[in-house]
Amino acid sequence: MRSRWTILAVLFIARAAIAFQFQSVAAVAPQFVRDFAPSLADIGVLIGLYFAPGVALAVPGGAIGRRYGDKPTVLAGLLMMLAGELLMTVSSVWSMQIAGRLIAGIGGILLNVLMTKMVADWFAGRGLATAMAIFINSWPAGVAVALMVLPALGGAFGLHAVHLVVAGLILIGFGLIASVYRPPDASEEVNGECGNLTAVAICGVLAAGSIWCLYNIGLAMIFSFGPSMLVERGWSSGAAGSIISIVLWLAALSVPFGGFLADRSKRGEAILVSGCIAFALLALLLSRSGAVLPVVIVLGMICGLPAGAIMSLPARVLEQKTRSMGMGLFYAIYYAGMLAGSAVGGMLSTSVGSARAALDFGATALLVCPVVLWLFHRIVAGRNQPVSSSP
């Protein structure tokens, strides 16, 4: 009998494959420029296109999995990721790179939404917070591995080798899900009628999703445009990718630590605000300081702290019967913002003539998070305010 931790490991690897594929464009951006001659704005669009399907699929993603089954839907999503990657491998036309990225993104979105539910199925009432913290860390881990491996690989063997390595990792994830994953024995589907989201709940989820989106834009600007910024300053592609990957490796430690600290101190919102502000200031410093390694280390230790507190916000406005629908909306906001954020970062870099503009944009997004949190507070206060009756 497979343990739930074995199942979590399988889901971790499959989600890390999504992150690895997402980061594969940014990690070898100089090779894309050499082979296809796109601008930084075009690269930004190609990066962000991975999230474009999420705008439409995040909300119905849970319903698709419920109709056809979580495991078959996840396997179908992995096949779409593989198909998109192979299309990018065989094509030398930029439009086909865009098409392949979109196809892969559809598969990645299905996995991201459904595998979160699969973790909850296995760990409900038994260490769910710990499991989710580990599961979330699959994303920075996958991105960090991509930054360490793919720039050197692309420089030595070209984009075809990069695409084939990405496809290989996807196949590993497919094999593990197909052969190892099974639903928990005690899983029971809720057959009750789905609740309807109230206007207050919708506004609260929109605010929470916006905070998560802005936070991730700040993080994405570091690992998407940080290597290009260092290359502009004379670093090699391999060295630039490796040092930026330190941020993601340290984030894999700071994310669960931040969640633990928020739970223990009961000051999650203070950690959210202070963490985002410190993260923003360090992002600004990274693009201006000559002491890159110390800044990168401190940045990695700080950047993951707000994540747990942010992810706890939707539960404050969602009831159990509306949680599935509400989290779909939460992810839709996230994907829409990430699509726009990557494109804006690329356009600003092209306009200014330096990838540093993208890091400044990410810092600005992080500084908006406390403002949106204040709006979230107002929404929650209105929701919890007792209704007075007329005499």
Protein backbone atom coordinates (compact mmCIF):
# COMPACT_ATOMS: atom_id res chain seq x y z
CA MET A 1 0.00 0.00 0.00
CA ARG A 2 1.44 3.33 -1.05
CA SER A 3 1.77 5.96 1.66
CA ARG A 4 0.35 9.42 1.29
CA TRP A 5 3.91 10.80 1.36
CA THR A 6 4.78 8.70 -1.67
CA ILE A 7 1.73 10.14 -3.42
CA LEU A 8 2.83 13.64 -2.41
CA ALA A 9 6.28 12.99 -3.85
CA VAL A 10 4.72 11.92 -7.17
CA LEU A 11 2.54 15.02 -7.29
CA PHE A 12 5.55 17.17 -6.34
CA ILE A 13 7.55 15.83 -9.30
CA ALA A 14 4.65 16.29 -11.72
CA ARG A 15 4.12 19.90 -10.62
CA ALA A 16 7.87 20.57 -10.73
CA ALA A 17 7.69 19.51 -14.39
CA ILE A 18 5.16 22.31 -14.98
CA ALA A 19 7.52 24.85 -13.40
CA PHE A 20 10.46 23.46 -15.35
CA GLN A 21 8.56 23.83 -18.62
CA PHE A 22 7.32 27.30 -17.73
CA GLN A 23 10.85 28.52 -16.94
CA SER A 24 12.41 26.88 -20.01
CA VAL A 25 11.79 29.97 -22.18
CA ALA A 26 13.21 32.55 -19.78
CA ALA A 27 16.18 30.33 -18.89
CA VAL A 28 17.36 30.23 -22.52
CA ALA A 29 16.06 33.61 -23.71
CA PRO A 30 19.41 34.46 -25.39
CA GLN A 31 19.12 31.28 -27.50
CA PHE A 32 15.58 32.23 -28.53
CA VAL A 33 16.86 35.67 -29.54
CA ARG A 34 19.68 34.08 -31.55
CA ASP A 35 17.44 31.56 -33.35
CA PHE A 36 14.23 33.60 -33.86
CA ALA A 37 15.34 37.25 -33.40
CA PRO A 38 12.42 38.26 -31.13
CA SER A 39 12.50 41.39 -28.95
CA LEU A 40 12.43 41.24 -25.16
CA ALA A 41 8.75 42.14 -25.46
CA ASP A 42 8.19 39.07 -27.64
CA ILE A 43 10.04 36.91 -25.11
CA GLY A 44 7.87 38.34 -22.35
CA VAL A 45 4.74 37.45 -24.29
CA LEU A 46 6.01 33.91 -24.92
CA ILE A 47 6.73 33.48 -21.21
CA GLY A 48 3.31 34.77 -20.20
CA LEU A 49 1.40 32.75 -22.79
CA TYR A 50 1.89 29.67 -20.61
CA PHE A 51 -0.64 31.17 -18.21
CA ALA A 52 -3.09 32.42 -20.84
CA PRO A 53 -5.31 29.27 -20.85
CA GLY A 54 -5.74 29.59 -17.09
CA VAL A 55 -7.92 32.65 -17.54
CA ALA A 56 -10.58 30.45 -19.14
CA LEU A 57 -9.81 27.02 -17.65
CA ALA A 58 -9.13 27.71 -13.95
CA VAL A 59 -12.80 28.02 -12.99
CA PRO A 60 -14.13 24.98 -14.92
CA GLY A 61 -10.95 22.94 -14.27
CA GLY A 62 -12.36 21.31 -11.16
CA ALA A 63 -15.58 20.42 -12.97
CA ILE A 64 -13.60 18.81 -15.80
CA GLY A 65 -11.73 16.67 -13.31
CA ARG A 66 -14.91 15.68 -11.50
CA ARG A 67 -16.59 14.62 -14.74
CA TYR A 68 -13.72 12.59 -16.18
CA GLY A 69 -11.74 11.77 -13.04
CA ASP A 70 -8.71 13.51 -11.56
CA LYS A 71 -6.11 10.99 -12.72
CA PRO A 72 -7.27 10.71 -16.38
CA THR A 73 -7.53 14.51 -16.62
CA VAL A 74 -4.06 15.00 -15.18
CA LEU A 75 -2.62 12.42 -17.59
CA ALA A 76 -4.34 14.21 -20.48
CA GLY A 77 -2.84 17.47 -19.26
CA LEU A 78 0.65 15.95 -19.22
CA LEU A 79 0.16 14.74 -22.79
CA MET A 80 -0.83 18.27 -23.83
CA MET A 81 2.31 19.62 -22.15
CA LEU A 82 4.35 17.06 -24.08
CA ALA A 83 2.61 17.85 -27.38
CA GLY A 84 3.23 21.58 -26.98
CA GLU A 85 6.89 21.03 -26.17
CA LEU A 86 7.40 18.74 -29.15
CA LEU A 87 5.73 21.28 -31.45
CA MET A 88 8.23 23.90 -30.27
CA THR A 89 11.02 21.39 -30.86
CA VAL A 90 10.25 20.63 -34.49
CA SER A 91 9.20 24.11 -35.60
CA SER A 92 11.48 26.92 -36.71
CA VAL A 93 8.63 29.44 -37.05
CA TRP A 94 7.87 31.89 -34.25
CA SER A 95 4.11 31.49 -34.61
CA MET A 96 4.47 27.77 -33.94
CA GLN A 97 6.49 28.54 -30.82
CA ILE A 98 3.49 30.54 -29.65
CA ALA A 99 1.07 27.74 -30.55
CA GLY A 100 3.18 25.12 -28.77
CA ARG A 101 3.43 27.31 -25.68
CA LEU A 102 -0.35 27.72 -25.57
CA ILE A 103 -0.99 23.97 -25.96
CA ALA A 104 1.51 23.20 -23.20
CA GLY A 105 -0.05 25.87 -21.01
CA ILE A 106 -3.51 24.26 -21.27
CA GLY A 107 -2.08 21.02 -19.94
CA GLY A 108 -0.17 22.80 -17.19
CA ILE A 109 -3.26 24.66 -16.02
CA LEU A 110 -5.29 21.45 -15.70
CA LEU A 111 -2.53 19.90 -13.62
CA ASN A 112 -2.05 22.90 -11.37
CA VAL A 113 -5.72 23.19 -10.43
CA LEU A 114 -6.48 19.46 -10.08
CA MET A 115 -3.32 18.39 -8.27
CA THR A 116 -4.02 20.89 -5.51
CA LYS A 117 -7.31 19.06 -4.95
CA MET A 118 -5.53 15.69 -5.09
CA VAL A 119 -3.18 16.73 -2.29
CA ALA A 120 -6.17 17.84 -0.23
CA ASP A 121 -7.89 14.49 -0.85
CA TRP A 122 -4.93 12.61 0.62
CA PHE A 123 -4.14 14.95 3.52
CA ALA A 124 -7.52 16.34 4.60
CA GLY A 125 -7.44 16.58 8.38
CA ARG A 126 -3.99 14.98 8.53
CA GLY A 127 -1.14 17.43 8.03
CA LEU A 128 -2.72 19.34 5.17
CA ALA A 129 -0.81 22.57 5.90
CA THR A 130 2.54 20.77 5.84
CA ALA A 131 1.64 18.89 2.67
CA MET A 132 0.52 22.06 0.90
CA ALA A 133 3.72 23.87 1.88
CA ILE A 134 5.78 21.02 0.39
CA PHE A 135 3.56 20.91 -2.69
CA ILE A 136 3.84 24.68 -3.29
CA ASN A 137 7.61 24.37 -3.12
CA SER A 138 7.60 22.18 -6.21
CA TRP A 139 7.28 25.37 -8.25
CA PRO A 140 10.45 27.18 -7.06
CA ALA A 141 12.29 23.85 -7.11
CA GLY A 142 11.36 23.24 -10.75
CA VAL A 143 12.24 26.80 -11.73
CA ALA A 144 15.57 26.63 -9.89
CA VAL A 145 16.57 23.37 -11.61
CA ALA A 146 15.67 24.92 -14.97
CA LEU A 147 17.85 27.95 -14.26
CA MET A 148 20.77 25.75 -13.24
CA VAL A 149 20.57 23.21 -16.08
CA LEU A 150 19.00 24.76 -19.15
CA PRO A 151 21.20 27.83 -19.87
CA ALA A 152 24.37 25.74 -20.04
CA LEU A 153 22.56 23.03 -22.00
CA GLY A 154 21.13 25.54 -24.47
CA GLY A 155 24.47 27.26 -24.91
CA ALA A 156 26.24 23.97 -25.63
CA PHE A 157 23.66 22.07 -27.66
CA GLY A 158 20.97 24.57 -28.72
CA LEU A 159 17.23 24.88 -28.21
CA HIS A 160 16.44 21.40 -29.49
CA ALA A 161 18.31 19.84 -26.58
CA VAL A 162 16.46 22.11 -24.15
CA HIS A 163 13.07 21.10 -25.53
CA LEU A 164 13.97 17.40 -25.41
CA VAL A 165 15.06 17.60 -21.76
CA VAL A 166 11.80 19.35 -20.87
CA ALA A 167 9.85 16.66 -22.75
CA GLY A 168 11.79 13.97 -20.89
CA LEU A 169 10.84 15.38 -17.49
CA ILE A 170 7.20 15.56 -18.57
CA LEU A 171 7.36 11.89 -19.56
CA ILE A 172 8.76 11.03 -16.13
CA GLY A 173 5.84 12.82 -14.51
CA PHE A 174 3.41 11.00 -16.79
CA GLY A 175 4.90 7.63 -15.93
CA LEU A 176 4.80 8.29 -12.19
CA ILE A 177 1.18 9.49 -12.23
CA ALA A 178 0.10 6.57 -14.42
CA SER A 179 1.85 3.88 -12.38
CA VAL A 180 1.90 5.19 -8.81
CA TYR A 181 -0.96 7.61 -8.17
CA ARG A 182 -4.30 6.33 -6.95
CA PRO A 183 -7.13 8.10 -5.13
CA PRO A 184 -7.22 7.63 -1.35
CA ASP A 185 -9.25 4.64 -0.17
CA ALA A 186 -11.34 6.78 2.12
CA SER A 187 -12.09 9.48 -0.41
CA GLU A 188 -15.70 10.44 -0.64
CA GLU A 189 -17.17 12.80 -3.15
CA VAL A 190 -19.44 15.50 -1.94
CA ASN A 191 -22.71 15.01 -3.72
CA GLY A 192 -24.42 17.98 -2.20
CA GLU A 193 -25.49 20.94 -4.21
CA CYS A 194 -22.77 23.51 -4.81
CA GLY A 195 -23.25 26.78 -2.99
CA ASN A 196 -23.39 30.12 -4.72
CA LEU A 197 -20.75 32.75 -4.15
CA THR A 198 -22.07 35.91 -2.54
CA ALA A 199 -21.02 39.32 -3.78
CA VAL A 200 -18.89 39.79 -0.66
CA ALA A 201 -17.18 36.43 -1.18
CA ILE A 202 -16.48 37.25 -4.83
CA CYS A 203 -14.94 40.61 -3.90
CA GLY A 204 -12.88 38.96 -1.18
CA VAL A 205 -11.59 36.26 -3.52
CA LEU A 206 -10.81 38.88 -6.17
CA ALA A 207 -8.76 40.83 -3.63
CA ALA A 208 -6.97 37.72 -2.35
CA GLY A 209 -6.29 36.51 -5.89
CA SER A 210 -4.92 39.94 -6.80
CA ILE A 211 -2.48 39.83 -3.89
CA TRP A 212 -1.31 36.35 -4.90
CA CYS A 213 -0.97 37.52 -8.49
CA LEU A 214 1.00 40.68 -7.61
CA TYR A 215 3.29 38.71 -5.31
CA ASN A 216 4.00 36.15 -8.02
CA ILE A 217 4.60 38.87 -10.62
CA GLY A 218 7.31 40.22 -8.31
CA LEU A 219 8.82 36.75 -8.01
CA ALA A 220 8.49 35.99 -11.73
CA MET A 221 10.32 39.18 -12.72
CA ILE A 222 13.32 37.98 -10.69
CA PHE A 223 13.67 34.57 -12.28
CA SER A 224 12.34 35.52 -15.73
CA PHE A 225 14.36 38.68 -16.34
CA GLY A 226 17.04 38.49 -13.64
CA PRO A 227 19.33 36.30 -15.80
CA SER A 228 18.97 38.66 -18.77
CA MET A 229 19.75 41.63 -16.49
CA LEU A 230 22.98 39.96 -15.33
CA VAL A 231 23.92 39.02 -18.91
CA GLU A 232 23.59 42.72 -19.79
CA ARG A 233 26.13 43.40 -17.03
CA GLY A 234 28.64 40.98 -18.54
CA TRP A 235 27.73 37.66 -16.91
CA SER A 236 27.62 34.46 -18.94
CA SER A 237 24.19 32.88 -19.43
CA GLY A 238 25.14 29.85 -17.35
CA ALA A 239 26.52 31.89 -14.44
CA ALA A 240 23.56 34.29 -14.50
CA GLY A 241 21.01 31.47 -14.44
CA SER A 242 22.84 29.64 -11.68
CA ILE A 243 23.08 32.61 -9.33
CA ILE A 244 19.44 33.62 -9.85
CA SER A 245 18.45 30.02 -9.13
CA ILE A 246 19.77 30.54 -5.57
CA VAL A 247 16.70 32.72 -4.96
CA LEU A 248 14.42 29.81 -5.81
CA TRP A 249 16.37 27.24 -3.77
CA LEU A 250 16.24 29.46 -0.70
CA ALA A 251 12.57 30.23 -1.38
CA ALA A 252 11.92 26.49 -1.07
CA LEU A 253 13.00 26.90 2.57
CA SER A 254 11.51 30.31 3.30
CA VAL A 255 8.00 29.41 2.02
CA PRO A 256 7.27 26.73 4.66
CA PHE A 257 9.12 28.72 7.31
CA GLY A 258 6.94 31.75 6.57
CA GLY A 259 3.79 29.63 6.85
CA PHE A 260 4.99 28.11 10.13
CA LEU A 261 5.88 31.55 11.47
CA ALA A 262 2.48 32.95 10.51
CA ASP A 263 0.66 30.07 12.22
CA ARG A 264 2.73 30.21 15.38
CA SER A 265 2.77 33.99 15.78
CA LYS A 266 -0.83 34.58 14.63
CA ARG A 267 0.57 37.61 12.80
CA GLY A 268 0.23 36.40 9.25
CA GLU A 269 -0.78 39.77 7.81
CA ALA A 270 2.19 41.52 9.43
CA ILE A 271 4.47 38.91 7.85
CA LEU A 272 2.69 39.45 4.52
CA VAL A 273 3.15 43.23 4.58
CA SER A 274 6.71 43.30 5.89
CA GLY A 275 7.75 40.44 3.63
CA CYS A 276 6.41 42.09 0.47
CA ILE A 277 8.01 45.45 1.29
CA ALA A 278 11.38 43.87 2.07
CA PHE A 279 11.12 41.73 -1.08
CA ALA A 280 10.44 44.83 -3.20
CA LEU A 281 13.38 46.76 -1.77
CA LEU A 282 15.74 43.84 -2.36
CA ALA A 283 14.50 43.48 -5.95
CA LEU A 284 15.35 47.13 -6.55
CA LEU A 285 18.75 46.63 -4.94
CA LEU A 286 19.52 43.52 -7.01
CA SER A 287 19.35 45.45 -10.27
CA ARG A 288 21.58 48.24 -8.95
CA SER A 289 24.12 46.61 -6.63
CA GLY A 290 27.47 45.13 -7.55
CA ALA A 291 27.26 42.72 -4.61
CA VAL A 292 24.95 40.32 -6.44
CA LEU A 293 25.54 37.16 -4.39
CA PRO A 294 24.77 38.66 -0.93
CA VAL A 295 21.64 40.35 -2.28
CA VAL A 296 20.49 37.12 -3.94
CA ILE A 297 20.96 35.16 -0.69
CA VAL A 298 19.00 37.63 1.42
CA LEU A 299 16.36 37.90 -1.31
CA GLY A 300 15.85 34.14 -1.28
CA MET A 301 15.55 34.12 2.51
CA ILE A 302 12.88 36.85 2.44
CA CYS A 303 10.86 36.32 -0.73
CA GLY A 304 9.03 33.16 0.37
CA LEU A 305 7.83 34.44 3.74
CA PRO A 306 4.53 36.03 2.57
CA ALA A 307 3.33 33.02 0.51
CA GLY A 308 1.64 31.03 3.27
CA ALA A 309 -0.14 34.06 4.69
CA ILE A 310 -1.42 35.03 1.24
CA MET A 311 -2.74 31.53 0.50
CA SER A 312 -4.68 31.53 3.77
CA LEU A 313 -6.74 34.60 2.77
CA PRO A 314 -9.41 32.92 0.57
CA ALA A 315 -10.54 30.65 3.42
CA ARG A 316 -11.61 33.73 5.35
CA VAL A 317 -14.33 34.57 2.83
CA LEU A 318 -15.22 31.13 1.43
CA GLU A 319 -17.42 28.49 3.00
CA GLN A 320 -16.69 24.82 2.39
CA LYS A 321 -19.47 24.43 -0.17
CA THR A 322 -18.19 27.37 -2.22
CA ARG A 323 -14.47 26.70 -1.86
CA SER A 324 -14.04 24.84 -5.14
CA MET A 325 -15.73 27.55 -7.19
CA GLY A 326 -14.01 30.29 -5.21
CA MET A 327 -10.53 28.83 -5.66
CA GLY A 328 -11.19 28.50 -9.38
CA LEU A 329 -11.87 32.24 -9.46
CA PHE A 330 -8.76 32.81 -7.32
CA TYR A 331 -6.59 30.97 -9.85
CA ALA A 332 -8.27 32.70 -12.80
CA ILE A 333 -7.20 36.09 -11.37
CA TYR A 334 -3.72 34.74 -10.81
CA TYR A 335 -3.33 33.43 -14.36
CA ALA A 336 -4.77 36.54 -16.00
CA GLY A 337 -2.43 38.77 -14.01
CA MET A 338 0.62 36.61 -14.69
CA LEU A 339 -0.12 36.67 -18.41
CA ALA A 340 -0.31 40.45 -18.39
CA GLY A 341 2.58 40.85 -15.96
CA SER A 342 5.12 38.94 -18.06
CA ALA A 343 4.10 40.86 -21.18
CA VAL A 344 4.35 44.22 -19.39
CA GLY A 345 7.75 43.30 -17.97
CA GLY A 346 9.02 42.46 -21.44
CA MET A 347 7.58 45.62 -23.01
CA LEU A 348 9.07 47.84 -20.31
CA SER A 349 12.45 46.18 -20.78
CA THR A 350 12.30 46.77 -24.53
CA SER A 351 11.20 50.38 -24.07
CA VAL A 352 13.91 51.21 -21.54
CA GLY A 353 16.53 49.06 -23.25
CA SER A 354 17.34 47.01 -20.16
CA ALA A 355 15.86 44.02 -18.32
CA ARG A 356 16.27 46.05 -15.12
CA ALA A 357 12.94 47.70 -15.93
CA ALA A 358 11.17 44.36 -15.45
CA LEU A 359 12.65 43.97 -11.96
CA ASP A 360 11.52 47.50 -11.09
CA PHE A 361 8.04 46.62 -12.34
CA GLY A 362 8.02 43.53 -10.12
CA ALA A 363 9.05 45.62 -7.11
CA THR A 364 6.18 48.01 -7.80
CA ALA A 365 3.72 45.09 -7.94
CA LEU A 366 4.95 43.89 -4.54
CA LEU A 367 4.45 47.32 -3.01
CA VAL A 368 0.82 47.29 -4.14
CA CYS A 369 0.13 44.11 -2.13
CA PRO A 370 -0.33 45.89 1.25
CA VAL A 371 -2.79 48.29 -0.39
CA VAL A 372 -4.92 45.43 -1.73
CA LEU A 373 -4.69 43.74 1.68
CA TRP A 374 -6.25 46.87 3.20
CA LEU A 375 -9.12 46.53 0.71
CA PHE A 376 -9.45 42.85 1.64
CA HIS A 377 -9.73 43.91 5.29
CA ARG A 378 -12.59 46.25 4.43
CA ILE A 379 -14.38 43.43 2.61
CA VAL A 380 -13.95 40.99 5.50
CA ALA A 381 -15.08 43.63 7.98
CA GLY A 382 -18.24 44.19 5.94
CA ARG A 383 -18.88 40.46 5.77
CA ASN A 384 -18.53 40.00 9.53
CA GLN A 385 -20.50 43.07 10.48
CA PRO A 386 -23.81 42.06 12.10
CA VAL A 387 -26.94 43.09 10.29
CA SER A 388 -29.01 45.47 12.41
CA SER A 389 -32.73 44.97 12.41
CA SER A 390 -35.24 47.77 12.37
CA PRO A 391 -37.27 48.23 15.56
